[in-house]
Amino acid sequence: QVKLVESGGGLVQPGGSLRLSCAASGFVFSSVGMRWYRQAPGKERDLVAIISGDGGWTNYADSVKGRFTISRDNAKETVYLQMNSLKPEDTAVYYCKTITFWGQGTQVTVSS
């Protein structure tokens, strides 16, 4: 069955960096696009970044452009989200998604 497992979240100070990982299994990883979403308390789940199956195309929410980078390693069946220059407003649970499947999420807290 399809499984997505996020990791790499934590507490970081403003201006800091984190790299999230999403390990996938149960489907042909290289043939599907992957997405990162985030959901802050009391808010809707928002799309953060998208990457195509071969990694050749990416797109980002305006709020993270220039700070976040999505990438993937198809040999490891893993998608990443490198987050730099983090701000308190980046605090949220971050989820990866493919097709209709979601991971369980990983908490990112940006606070001094």
PDB file of N, CA and C in Angstrom:
ATOM      1  N   GLN A   1       0.832  -1.172   0.000  1.00  0.00           N
ATOM      2  CA  GLN A   1       0.000   0.000   0.000  1.00  0.00           C
ATOM      3  C   GLN A   1       0.879   1.239   0.000  1.00  0.00           C
ATOM      4  N   VAL A   2       0.288   2.345  -0.416  1.00  0.00           N
ATOM      5  CA  VAL A   2       1.027   3.598  -0.460  1.00  0.00           C
ATOM      6  C   VAL A   2       1.335   4.065   0.955  1.00  0.00           C
ATOM      7  N   LYS A   3       2.573   4.470   1.148  1.00  0.00           N
ATOM      8  CA  LYS A   3       2.989   4.989   2.445  1.00  0.00           C
ATOM      9  C   LYS A   3       3.891   6.191   2.234  1.00  0.00           C
ATOM     10  N   LEU A   4       3.614   7.256   2.984  1.00  0.00           N
ATOM     11  CA  LEU A   4       4.430   8.471   2.960  1.00  0.00           C
ATOM     12  C   LEU A   4       4.782   8.807   4.401  1.00  0.00           C
ATOM     13  N   VAL A   5       6.071   8.932   4.685  1.00  0.00           N
ATOM     14  CA  VAL A   5       6.517   9.190   6.046  1.00  0.00           C
ATOM     15  C   VAL A   5       7.419  10.415   6.055  1.00  0.00           C
ATOM     16  N   GLU A   6       6.926  11.488   6.684  1.00  0.00           N
ATOM     17  CA  GLU A   6       7.702  12.717   6.788  1.00  0.00           C
ATOM     18  C   GLU A   6       8.610  12.679   8.015  1.00  0.00           C
ATOM     19  N   SER A   7       9.709  13.403   7.914  1.00  0.00           N
ATOM     20  CA  SER A   7      10.619  13.566   9.047  1.00  0.00           C
ATOM     21  C   SER A   7      11.398  14.860   8.853  1.00  0.00           C
ATOM     22  N   GLY A   8      12.095  15.262   9.918  1.00  0.00           N
ATOM     23  CA  GLY A   8      12.966  16.423   9.830  1.00  0.00           C
ATOM     24  C   GLY A   8      12.427  17.688  10.461  1.00  0.00           C
ATOM     25  N   GLY A   9      11.210  17.652  10.949  1.00  0.00           N
ATOM     26  CA  GLY A   9      10.664  18.830  11.601  1.00  0.00           C
ATOM     27  C   GLY A   9      11.325  19.078  12.942  1.00  0.00           C
ATOM     28  N   GLY A  10      10.987  20.229  13.526  1.00  0.00           N
ATOM     29  CA  GLY A  10      11.539  20.557  14.835  1.00  0.00           C
ATOM     30  C   GLY A  10      11.375  22.023  15.146  1.00  0.00           C
ATOM     31  N   LEU A  11      12.085  22.442  16.198  1.00  0.00           N
ATOM     32  CA  LEU A  11      12.072  23.836  16.632  1.00  0.00           C
ATOM     33  C   LEU A  11      13.324  24.533  16.111  1.00  0.00           C
ATOM     34  N   VAL A  12      13.138  25.670  15.483  1.00  0.00           N
ATOM     35  CA  VAL A  12      14.266  26.412  14.922  1.00  0.00           C
ATOM     36  C   VAL A  12      14.032  27.899  15.154  1.00  0.00           C
ATOM     37  N   GLN A  13      15.113  28.637  15.301  1.00  0.00           N
ATOM     38  CA  GLN A  13      15.001  30.076  15.499  1.00  0.00           C
ATOM     39  C   GLN A  13      14.724  30.779  14.168  1.00  0.00           C
ATOM     40  N   PRO A  14      14.127  31.945  14.231  1.00  0.00           N
ATOM     41  CA  PRO A  14      13.925  32.720  12.987  1.00  0.00           C
ATOM     42  C   PRO A  14      15.253  32.925  12.270  1.00  0.00           C
ATOM     43  N   GLY A  15      15.209  32.773  10.955  1.00  0.00           N
ATOM     44  CA  GLY A  15      16.414  32.862  10.153  1.00  0.00           C
ATOM     45  C   GLY A  15      17.129  31.546   9.969  1.00  0.00           C
ATOM     46  N   GLY A  16      16.704  30.539  10.695  1.00  0.00           N
ATOM     47  CA  GLY A  16      17.353  29.241  10.616  1.00  0.00           C
ATOM     48  C   GLY A  16      16.866  28.402   9.446  1.00  0.00           C
ATOM     49  N   SER A  17      17.361  27.171   9.390  1.00  0.00           N
ATOM     50  CA  SER A  17      17.050  26.262   8.282  1.00  0.00           C
ATOM     51  C   SER A  17      16.655  24.894   8.814  1.00  0.00           C
ATOM     52  N   LEU A  18      15.852  24.210   8.028  1.00  0.00           N
ATOM     53  CA  LEU A  18      15.499  22.815   8.266  1.00  0.00           C
ATOM     54  C   LEU A  18      15.354  22.130   6.918  1.00  0.00           C
ATOM     55  N   ARG A  19      15.605  20.837   6.903  1.00  0.00           N
ATOM     56  CA  ARG A  19      15.322  20.044   5.716  1.00  0.00           C
ATOM     57  C   ARG A  19      14.351  18.930   6.080  1.00  0.00           C
ATOM     58  N   LEU A  20      13.208  18.957   5.441  1.00  0.00           N
ATOM     59  CA  LEU A  20      12.210  17.912   5.630  1.00  0.00           C
ATOM     60  C   LEU A  20      12.413  16.819   4.590  1.00  0.00           C
ATOM     61  N   SER A  21      12.102  15.606   4.990  1.00  0.00           N
ATOM     62  CA  SER A  21      12.155  14.461   4.087  1.00  0.00           C
ATOM     63  C   SER A  21      10.803  13.750   4.092  1.00  0.00           C
ATOM     64  N   CYS A  22      10.489  13.152   2.962  1.00  0.00           N
ATOM     65  CA  CYS A  22       9.274  12.340   2.853  1.00  0.00           C
ATOM     66  C   CYS A  22       9.660  11.062   2.123  1.00  0.00           C
ATOM     67  N   ALA A  23       9.700   9.971   2.867  1.00  0.00           N
ATOM     68  CA  ALA A  23      10.048   8.670   2.301  1.00  0.00           C
ATOM     69  C   ALA A  23       8.784   7.989   1.798  1.00  0.00           C
ATOM     70  N   ALA A  24       8.814   7.560   0.551  1.00  0.00           N
ATOM     71  CA  ALA A  24       7.630   7.001  -0.093  1.00  0.00           C
ATOM     72  C   ALA A  24       7.815   5.520  -0.392  1.00  0.00           C
ATOM     73  N   SER A  25       6.704   4.813  -0.445  1.00  0.00           N
ATOM     74  CA  SER A  25       6.727   3.408  -0.833  1.00  0.00           C
ATOM     75  C   SER A  25       5.331   3.015  -1.305  1.00  0.00           C
ATOM     76  N   GLY A  26       5.287   1.907  -2.056  1.00  0.00           N
ATOM     77  CA  GLY A  26       3.997   1.363  -2.464  1.00  0.00           C
ATOM     78  C   GLY A  26       3.496   1.837  -3.814  1.00  0.00           C
ATOM     79  N   PHE A  27       4.299   2.602  -4.529  1.00  0.00           N
ATOM     80  CA  PHE A  27       3.898   3.045  -5.871  1.00  0.00           C
ATOM     81  C   PHE A  27       5.178   3.350  -6.647  1.00  0.00           C
ATOM     82  N   VAL A  28       4.995   3.594  -7.959  1.00  0.00           N
ATOM     83  CA  VAL A  28       6.148   3.886  -8.812  1.00  0.00           C
ATOM     84  C   VAL A  28       6.518   5.356  -8.609  1.00  0.00           C
ATOM     85  N   PHE A  29       7.452   5.574  -7.704  1.00  0.00           N
ATOM     86  CA  PHE A  29       7.758   6.923  -7.229  1.00  0.00           C
ATOM     87  C   PHE A  29       8.132   7.870  -8.365  1.00  0.00           C
ATOM     88  N   SER A  30       8.973   7.419  -9.271  1.00  0.00           N
ATOM     89  CA  SER A  30       9.508   8.310 -10.296  1.00  0.00           C
ATOM     90  C   SER A  30       8.465   8.739 -11.319  1.00  0.00           C
ATOM     91  N   SER A  31       7.303   8.132 -11.301  1.00  0.00           N
ATOM     92  CA  SER A  31       6.306   8.441 -12.316  1.00  0.00           C
ATOM     93  C   SER A  31       5.264   9.461 -11.868  1.00  0.00           C
ATOM     94  N   VAL A  32       5.349   9.909 -10.634  1.00  0.00           N
ATOM     95  CA  VAL A  32       4.326  10.830 -10.135  1.00  0.00           C
ATOM     96  C   VAL A  32       4.942  12.069  -9.502  1.00  0.00           C
ATOM     97  N   GLY A  33       4.215  13.166  -9.631  1.00  0.00           N
ATOM     98  CA  GLY A  33       4.633  14.375  -8.958  1.00  0.00           C
ATOM     99  C   GLY A  33       4.404  14.272  -7.456  1.00  0.00           C
ATOM    100  N   MET A  34       5.108  15.091  -6.715  1.00  0.00           N
ATOM    101  CA  MET A  34       4.991  15.119  -5.264  1.00  0.00           C
ATOM    102  C   MET A  34       4.750  16.561  -4.821  1.00  0.00           C
ATOM    103  N   ARG A  35       4.043  16.690  -3.714  1.00  0.00           N
ATOM    104  CA  ARG A  35       3.717  18.019  -3.209  1.00  0.00           C
ATOM    105  C   ARG A  35       3.986  18.100  -1.707  1.00  0.00           C
ATOM    106  N   TRP A  36       4.363  19.273  -1.282  1.00  0.00           N
ATOM    107  CA  TRP A  36       4.415  19.601   0.145  1.00  0.00           C
ATOM    108  C   TRP A  36       3.307  20.610   0.440  1.00  0.00           C
ATOM    109  N   TYR A  37       2.610  20.361   1.525  1.00  0.00           N
ATOM    110  CA  TYR A  37       1.592  21.264   2.042  1.00  0.00           C
ATOM    111  C   TYR A  37       1.951  21.625   3.476  1.00  0.00           C
ATOM    112  N   ARG A  38       1.296  22.638   3.990  1.00  0.00           N
ATOM    113  CA  ARG A  38       1.424  22.950   5.406  1.00  0.00           C
ATOM    114  C   ARG A  38       0.098  23.462   5.948  1.00  0.00           C
ATOM    115  N   GLN A  39      -0.068  23.233   7.246  1.00  0.00           N
ATOM    116  CA  GLN A  39      -1.288  23.671   7.917  1.00  0.00           C
ATOM    117  C   GLN A  39      -0.931  24.259   9.264  1.00  0.00           C
ATOM    118  N   ALA A  40      -1.201  25.551   9.402  1.00  0.00           N
ATOM    119  CA  ALA A  40      -0.978  26.234  10.668  1.00  0.00           C
ATOM    120  C   ALA A  40      -2.237  26.082  11.526  1.00  0.00           C
ATOM    121  N   PRO A  41      -2.104  26.218  12.843  1.00  0.00           N
ATOM    122  CA  PRO A  41      -3.261  26.072  13.729  1.00  0.00           C
ATOM    123  C   PRO A  41      -4.400  27.010  13.337  1.00  0.00           C
ATOM    124  N   GLY A  42      -5.589  26.451  13.190  1.00  0.00           N
ATOM    125  CA  GLY A  42      -6.761  27.251  12.869  1.00  0.00           C
ATOM    126  C   GLY A  42      -6.860  27.706  11.426  1.00  0.00           C
ATOM    127  N   LYS A  43      -5.952  27.221  10.591  1.00  0.00           N
ATOM    128  CA  LYS A  43      -5.958  27.642   9.187  1.00  0.00           C
ATOM    129  C   LYS A  43      -6.113  26.436   8.269  1.00  0.00           C
ATOM    130  N   GLU A  44      -6.404  26.724   7.002  1.00  0.00           N
ATOM    131  CA  GLU A  44      -6.536  25.669   6.014  1.00  0.00           C
ATOM    132  C   GLU A  44      -5.165  25.116   5.634  1.00  0.00           C
ATOM    133  N   ARG A  45      -5.179  23.924   5.074  1.00  0.00           N
ATOM    134  CA  ARG A  45      -3.952  23.317   4.571  1.00  0.00           C
ATOM    135  C   ARG A  45      -3.629  23.948   3.220  1.00  0.00           C
ATOM    136  N   ASP A  46      -2.432  24.499   3.108  1.00  0.00           N
ATOM    137  CA  ASP A  46      -2.022  25.232   1.910  1.00  0.00           C
ATOM    138  C   ASP A  46      -0.897  24.522   1.172  1.00  0.00           C
ATOM    139  N   LEU A  47      -0.925  24.627  -0.140  1.00  0.00           N
ATOM    140  CA  LEU A  47       0.142  24.071  -0.962  1.00  0.00           C
ATOM    141  C   LEU A  47       1.402  24.925  -0.834  1.00  0.00           C
ATOM    142  N   VAL A  48       2.520  24.268  -0.628  1.00  0.00           N
ATOM    143  CA  VAL A  48       3.804  24.965  -0.475  1.00  0.00           C
ATOM    144  C   VAL A  48       4.663  24.817  -1.719  1.00  0.00           C
ATOM    145  N   ALA A  49       4.800  23.578  -2.211  1.00  0.00           N
ATOM    146  CA  ALA A  49       5.705  23.337  -3.333  1.00  0.00           C
ATOM    147  C   ALA A  49       5.294  22.055  -4.055  1.00  0.00           C
ATOM    148  N   ILE A  50       5.634  22.017  -5.355  1.00  0.00           N
ATOM    149  CA  ILE A  50       5.334  20.877  -6.218  1.00  0.00           C
ATOM    150  C   ILE A  50       6.596  20.518  -6.989  1.00  0.00           C
ATOM    151  N   ILE A  51       6.765  19.230  -7.249  1.00  0.00           N
ATOM    152  CA  ILE A  51       7.862  18.785  -8.096  1.00  0.00           C
ATOM    153  C   ILE A  51       7.352  17.682  -9.008  1.00  0.00           C
ATOM    154  N   SER A  52       7.791  17.707 -10.257  1.00  0.00           N
ATOM    155  CA  SER A  52       7.381  16.693 -11.215  1.00  0.00           C
ATOM    156  C   SER A  52       8.080  15.366 -10.934  1.00  0.00           C
ATOM    157  N   GLY A  53       7.635  14.333 -11.613  1.00  0.00           N
ATOM    158  CA  GLY A  53       8.180  13.010 -11.374  1.00  0.00           C
ATOM    159  C   GLY A  53       9.673  12.884 -11.636  1.00  0.00           C
ATOM    160  N   ASP A  54      10.137  13.582 -12.664  1.00  0.00           N
ATOM    161  CA  ASP A  54      11.570  13.514 -12.980  1.00  0.00           C
ATOM    162  C   ASP A  54      12.372  14.623 -12.307  1.00  0.00           C
ATOM    163  N   GLY A  55      11.677  15.455 -11.542  1.00  0.00           N
ATOM    164  CA  GLY A  55      12.358  16.530 -10.831  1.00  0.00           C
ATOM    165  C   GLY A  55      12.690  17.737 -11.677  1.00  0.00           C
ATOM    166  N   GLY A  56      12.276  17.721 -12.947  1.00  0.00           N
ATOM    167  CA  GLY A  56      12.660  18.795 -13.845  1.00  0.00           C
ATOM    168  C   GLY A  56      11.810  20.044 -13.763  1.00  0.00           C
ATOM    169  N   TRP A  57      10.701  19.944 -13.071  1.00  0.00           N
ATOM    170  CA  TRP A  57       9.807  21.101 -12.943  1.00  0.00           C
ATOM    171  C   TRP A  57       9.388  21.260 -11.498  1.00  0.00           C
ATOM    172  N   THR A  58       9.451  22.475 -11.010  1.00  0.00           N
ATOM    173  CA  THR A  58       9.029  22.778  -9.649  1.00  0.00           C
ATOM    174  C   THR A  58       8.206  24.066  -9.641  1.00  0.00           C
ATOM    175  N   ASN A  59       7.429  24.229  -8.609  1.00  0.00           N
ATOM    176  CA  ASN A  59       6.669  25.459  -8.437  1.00  0.00           C
ATOM    177  C   ASN A  59       6.452  25.679  -6.946  1.00  0.00           C
ATOM    178  N   TYR A  60       6.298  26.945  -6.564  1.00  0.00           N
ATOM    179  CA  TYR A  60       6.242  27.290  -5.141  1.00  0.00           C
ATOM    180  C   TYR A  60       5.142  28.303  -4.865  1.00  0.00           C
ATOM    181  N   ALA A  61       4.646  28.256  -3.658  1.00  0.00           N
ATOM    182  CA  ALA A  61       3.776  29.320  -3.182  1.00  0.00           C
ATOM    183  C   ALA A  61       4.584  30.606  -3.087  1.00  0.00           C
ATOM    184  N   ASP A  62       3.929  31.726  -3.349  1.00  0.00           N
ATOM    185  CA  ASP A  62       4.631  33.012  -3.316  1.00  0.00           C
ATOM    186  C   ASP A  62       5.290  33.253  -1.961  1.00  0.00           C
ATOM    187  N   SER A  63       4.674  32.775  -0.906  1.00  0.00           N
ATOM    188  CA  SER A  63       5.168  33.042   0.439  1.00  0.00           C
ATOM    189  C   SER A  63       6.503  32.362   0.743  1.00  0.00           C
ATOM    190  N   VAL A  64       6.888  31.369  -0.063  1.00  0.00           N
ATOM    191  CA  VAL A  64       8.135  30.649   0.220  1.00  0.00           C
ATOM    192  C   VAL A  64       9.150  30.748  -0.912  1.00  0.00           C
ATOM    193  N   LYS A  65       8.782  31.381  -2.007  1.00  0.00           N
ATOM    194  CA  LYS A  65       9.710  31.502  -3.141  1.00  0.00           C
ATOM    195  C   LYS A  65      11.008  32.177  -2.721  1.00  0.00           C
ATOM    196  N   GLY A  66      12.107  31.577  -3.153  1.00  0.00           N
ATOM    197  CA  GLY A  66      13.411  32.131  -2.826  1.00  0.00           C
ATOM    198  C   GLY A  66      13.959  31.658  -1.490  1.00  0.00           C
ATOM    199  N   ARG A  67      13.112  31.012  -0.681  1.00  0.00           N
ATOM    200  CA  ARG A  67      13.553  30.517   0.632  1.00  0.00           C
ATOM    201  C   ARG A  67      13.500  29.001   0.719  1.00  0.00           C
ATOM    202  N   PHE A  68      12.513  28.392   0.081  1.00  0.00           N
ATOM    203  CA  PHE A  68      12.339  26.938   0.130  1.00  0.00           C
ATOM    204  C   PHE A  68      12.720  26.320  -1.207  1.00  0.00           C
ATOM    205  N   THR A  69      13.235  25.105  -1.147  1.00  0.00           N
ATOM    206  CA  THR A  69      13.576  24.358  -2.350  1.00  0.00           C
ATOM    207  C   THR A  69      13.071  22.929  -2.217  1.00  0.00           C
ATOM    208  N   ILE A  70      12.273  22.504  -3.179  1.00  0.00           N
ATOM    209  CA  ILE A  70      11.808  21.125  -3.220  1.00  0.00           C
ATOM    210  C   ILE A  70      12.716  20.340  -4.162  1.00  0.00           C
ATOM    211  N   SER A  71      13.032  19.115  -3.776  1.00  0.00           N
ATOM    212  CA  SER A  71      13.860  18.247  -4.605  1.00  0.00           C
ATOM    213  C   SER A  71      13.463  16.808  -4.348  1.00  0.00           C
ATOM    214  N   ARG A  72      13.994  15.906  -5.155  1.00  0.00           N
ATOM    215  CA  ARG A  72      13.678  14.502  -4.971  1.00  0.00           C
ATOM    216  C   ARG A  72      14.848  13.646  -5.394  1.00  0.00           C
ATOM    217  N   ASP A  73      14.920  12.483  -4.789  1.00  0.00           N
ATOM    218  CA  ASP A  73      15.899  11.459  -5.147  1.00  0.00           C
ATOM    219  C   ASP A  73      15.091  10.210  -5.494  1.00  0.00           C
ATOM    220  N   ASN A  74      14.944   9.955  -6.768  1.00  0.00           N
ATOM    221  CA  ASN A  74      14.088   8.841  -7.171  1.00  0.00           C
ATOM    222  C   ASN A  74      14.692   7.488  -6.803  1.00  0.00           C
ATOM    223  N   ALA A  75      15.999   7.415  -6.716  1.00  0.00           N
ATOM    224  CA  ALA A  75      16.630   6.156  -6.310  1.00  0.00           C
ATOM    225  C   ALA A  75      16.307   5.831  -4.854  1.00  0.00           C
ATOM    226  N   LYS A  76      16.169   6.861  -4.043  1.00  0.00           N
ATOM    227  CA  LYS A  76      15.846   6.675  -2.624  1.00  0.00           C
ATOM    228  C   LYS A  76      14.352   6.798  -2.361  1.00  0.00           C
ATOM    229  N   GLU A  77      13.576   7.124  -3.394  1.00  0.00           N
ATOM    230  CA  GLU A  77      12.124   7.296  -3.265  1.00  0.00           C
ATOM    231  C   GLU A  77      11.792   8.283  -2.154  1.00  0.00           C
ATOM    232  N   THR A  78      12.475   9.391  -2.205  1.00  0.00           N
ATOM    233  CA  THR A  78      12.330  10.398  -1.164  1.00  0.00           C
ATOM    234  C   THR A  78      12.231  11.785  -1.799  1.00  0.00           C
ATOM    235  N   VAL A  79      11.347  12.600  -1.240  1.00  0.00           N
ATOM    236  CA  VAL A  79      11.245  13.993  -1.640  1.00  0.00           C
ATOM    237  C   VAL A  79      11.646  14.855  -0.449  1.00  0.00           C
ATOM    238  N   TYR A  80      12.275  15.983  -0.743  1.00  0.00           N
ATOM    239  CA  TYR A  80      12.811  16.853   0.300  1.00  0.00           C
ATOM    240  C   TYR A  80      12.224  18.255   0.184  1.00  0.00           C
ATOM    241  N   LEU A  81      12.260  18.947   1.300  1.00  0.00           N
ATOM    242  CA  LEU A  81      11.925  20.369   1.306  1.00  0.00           C
ATOM    243  C   LEU A  81      12.982  21.073   2.144  1.00  0.00           C
ATOM    244  N   GLN A  82      13.891  21.765   1.469  1.00  0.00           N
ATOM    245  CA  GLN A  82      14.899  22.557   2.151  1.00  0.00           C
ATOM    246  C   GLN A  82      14.298  23.918   2.458  1.00  0.00           C
ATOM    247  N   MET A  83      14.289  24.278   3.724  1.00  0.00           N
ATOM    248  CA  MET A  83      13.663  25.525   4.155  1.00  0.00           C
ATOM    249  C   MET A  83      14.727  26.413   4.793  1.00  0.00           C
ATOM    250  N   ASN A  84      14.973  27.541   4.184  1.00  0.00           N
ATOM    251  CA  ASN A  84      15.952  28.508   4.675  1.00  0.00           C
ATOM    252  C   ASN A  84      15.273  29.801   5.071  1.00  0.00           C
ATOM    253  N   SER A  85      15.981  30.617   5.803  1.00  0.00           N
ATOM    254  CA  SER A  85      15.461  31.927   6.238  1.00  0.00           C
ATOM    255  C   SER A  85      14.066  31.793   6.831  1.00  0.00           C
ATOM    256  N   LEU A  86      13.921  30.849   7.720  1.00  0.00           N
ATOM    257  CA  LEU A  86      12.603  30.563   8.276  1.00  0.00           C
ATOM    258  C   LEU A  86      12.066  31.721   9.101  1.00  0.00           C
ATOM    259  N   LYS A  87      10.745  31.876   9.030  1.00  0.00           N
ATOM    260  CA  LYS A  87      10.046  32.947   9.729  1.00  0.00           C
ATOM    261  C   LYS A  87       9.019  32.336  10.690  1.00  0.00           C
ATOM    262  N   PRO A  88       8.624  33.065  11.711  1.00  0.00           N
ATOM    263  CA  PRO A  88       7.583  32.531  12.605  1.00  0.00           C
ATOM    264  C   PRO A  88       6.322  32.114  11.860  1.00  0.00           C
ATOM    265  N   GLU A  89       5.994  32.807  10.802  1.00  0.00           N
ATOM    266  CA  GLU A  89       4.781  32.458  10.041  1.00  0.00           C
ATOM    267  C   GLU A  89       4.919  31.168   9.237  1.00  0.00           C
ATOM    268  N   ASP A  90       6.109  30.584   9.215  1.00  0.00           N
ATOM    269  CA  ASP A  90       6.295  29.259   8.601  1.00  0.00           C
ATOM    270  C   ASP A  90       5.914  28.132   9.562  1.00  0.00           C
ATOM    271  N   THR A  91       5.619  28.473  10.798  1.00  0.00           N
ATOM    272  CA  THR A  91       5.227  27.463  11.778  1.00  0.00           C
ATOM    273  C   THR A  91       3.949  26.759  11.335  1.00  0.00           C
ATOM    274  N   ALA A  92       4.020  25.432  11.246  1.00  0.00           N
ATOM    275  CA  ALA A  92       2.891  24.641  10.762  1.00  0.00           C
ATOM    276  C   ALA A  92       3.259  23.165  10.831  1.00  0.00           C
ATOM    277  N   VAL A  93       2.260  22.331  10.598  1.00  0.00           N
ATOM    278  CA  VAL A  93       2.525  20.922  10.327  1.00  0.00           C
ATOM    279  C   VAL A  93       2.695  20.802   8.815  1.00  0.00           C
ATOM    280  N   TYR A  94       3.785  20.170   8.410  1.00  0.00           N
ATOM    281  CA  TYR A  94       4.104  20.018   7.002  1.00  0.00           C
ATOM    282  C   TYR A  94       3.790  18.589   6.563  1.00  0.00           C
ATOM    283  N   TYR A  95       3.101  18.491   5.435  1.00  0.00           N
ATOM    284  CA  TYR A  95       2.667  17.196   4.914  1.00  0.00           C
ATOM    285  C   TYR A  95       3.183  17.013   3.494  1.00  0.00           C
ATOM    286  N   CYS A  96       3.520  15.781   3.146  1.00  0.00           N
ATOM    287  CA  CYS A  96       3.742  15.483   1.734  1.00  0.00           C
ATOM    288  C   CYS A  96       2.533  14.724   1.211  1.00  0.00           C
ATOM    289  N   LYS A  97       2.376  14.852  -0.095  1.00  0.00           N
ATOM    290  CA  LYS A  97       1.200  14.261  -0.740  1.00  0.00           C
ATOM    291  C   LYS A  97       1.550  13.802  -2.144  1.00  0.00           C
ATOM    292  N   THR A  98       0.956  12.664  -2.536  1.00  0.00           N
ATOM    293  CA  THR A  98       0.980  12.266  -3.925  1.00  0.00           C
ATOM    294  C   THR A  98      -0.371  11.677  -4.282  1.00  0.00           C
ATOM    295  N   ILE A  99      -0.839  11.973  -5.460  1.00  0.00           N
ATOM    296  CA  ILE A  99      -2.148  11.503  -5.931  1.00  0.00           C
ATOM    297  C   ILE A  99      -3.174  11.889  -4.859  1.00  0.00           C
ATOM    298  N   THR A 100      -3.743  10.901  -4.162  1.00  0.00           N
ATOM    299  CA  THR A 100      -4.711  11.223  -3.111  1.00  0.00           C
ATOM    300  C   THR A 100      -4.206  10.817  -1.733  1.00  0.00           C
ATOM    301  N   PHE A 101      -2.925  10.497  -1.635  1.00  0.00           N
ATOM    302  CA  PHE A 101      -2.364   9.987  -0.393  1.00  0.00           C
ATOM    303  C   PHE A 101      -1.557  11.044   0.337  1.00  0.00           C
ATOM    304  N   TRP A 102      -1.734  11.057   1.684  1.00  0.00           N
ATOM    305  CA  TRP A 102      -1.051  12.008   2.547  1.00  0.00           C
ATOM    306  C   TRP A 102      -0.160  11.284   3.543  1.00  0.00           C
ATOM    307  N   GLY A 103       0.923  11.956   3.917  1.00  0.00           N
ATOM    308  CA  GLY A 103       1.694  11.484   5.052  1.00  0.00           C
ATOM    309  C   GLY A 103       1.053  11.942   6.345  1.00  0.00           C
ATOM    310  N   GLN A 104       1.707  11.613   7.461  1.00  0.00           N
ATOM    311  CA  GLN A 104       1.138  11.938   8.769  1.00  0.00           C
ATOM    312  C   GLN A 104       1.506  13.340   9.226  1.00  0.00           C
ATOM    313  N   GLY A 105       2.483  13.937   8.575  1.00  0.00           N
ATOM    314  CA  GLY A 105       2.889  15.298   8.890  1.00  0.00           C
ATOM    315  C   GLY A 105       4.052  15.366   9.854  1.00  0.00           C
ATOM    316  N   THR A 106       4.773  16.479   9.795  1.00  0.00           N
ATOM    317  CA  THR A 106       5.864  16.749  10.729  1.00  0.00           C
ATOM    318  C   THR A 106       5.768  18.209  11.148  1.00  0.00           C
ATOM    319  N   GLN A 107       5.922  18.434  12.455  1.00  0.00           N
ATOM    320  CA  GLN A 107       5.743  19.778  12.997  1.00  0.00           C
ATOM    321  C   GLN A 107       6.995  20.620  12.811  1.00  0.00           C
ATOM    322  N   VAL A 108       6.806  21.821  12.302  1.00  0.00           N
ATOM    323  CA  VAL A 108       7.879  22.811  12.208  1.00  0.00           C
ATOM    324  C   VAL A 108       7.462  24.016  13.040  1.00  0.00           C
ATOM    325  N   THR A 109       8.306  24.390  13.990  1.00  0.00           N
ATOM    326  CA  THR A 109       8.038  25.545  14.828  1.00  0.00           C
ATOM    327  C   THR A 109       9.204  26.511  14.722  1.00  0.00           C
ATOM    328  N   VAL A 110       8.899  27.732  14.328  1.00  0.00           N
ATOM    329  CA  VAL A 110       9.923  28.768  14.188  1.00  0.00           C
ATOM    330  C   VAL A 110       9.677  29.804  15.284  1.00  0.00           C
ATOM    331  N   SER A 111      10.583  29.832  16.238  1.00  0.00           N
ATOM    332  CA  SER A 111      10.390  30.696  17.394  1.00  0.00           C
ATOM    333  C   SER A 111      11.722  30.955  18.071  1.00  0.00           C
ATOM    334  N   SER A 112      11.838  32.144  18.653  1.00  0.00           N
ATOM    335  CA  SER A 112      13.037  32.457  19.424  1.00  0.00           C
ATOM    336  C   SER A 112      12.811  32.144  20.897  1.00  0.00           C
TER     337      SER A 112
END
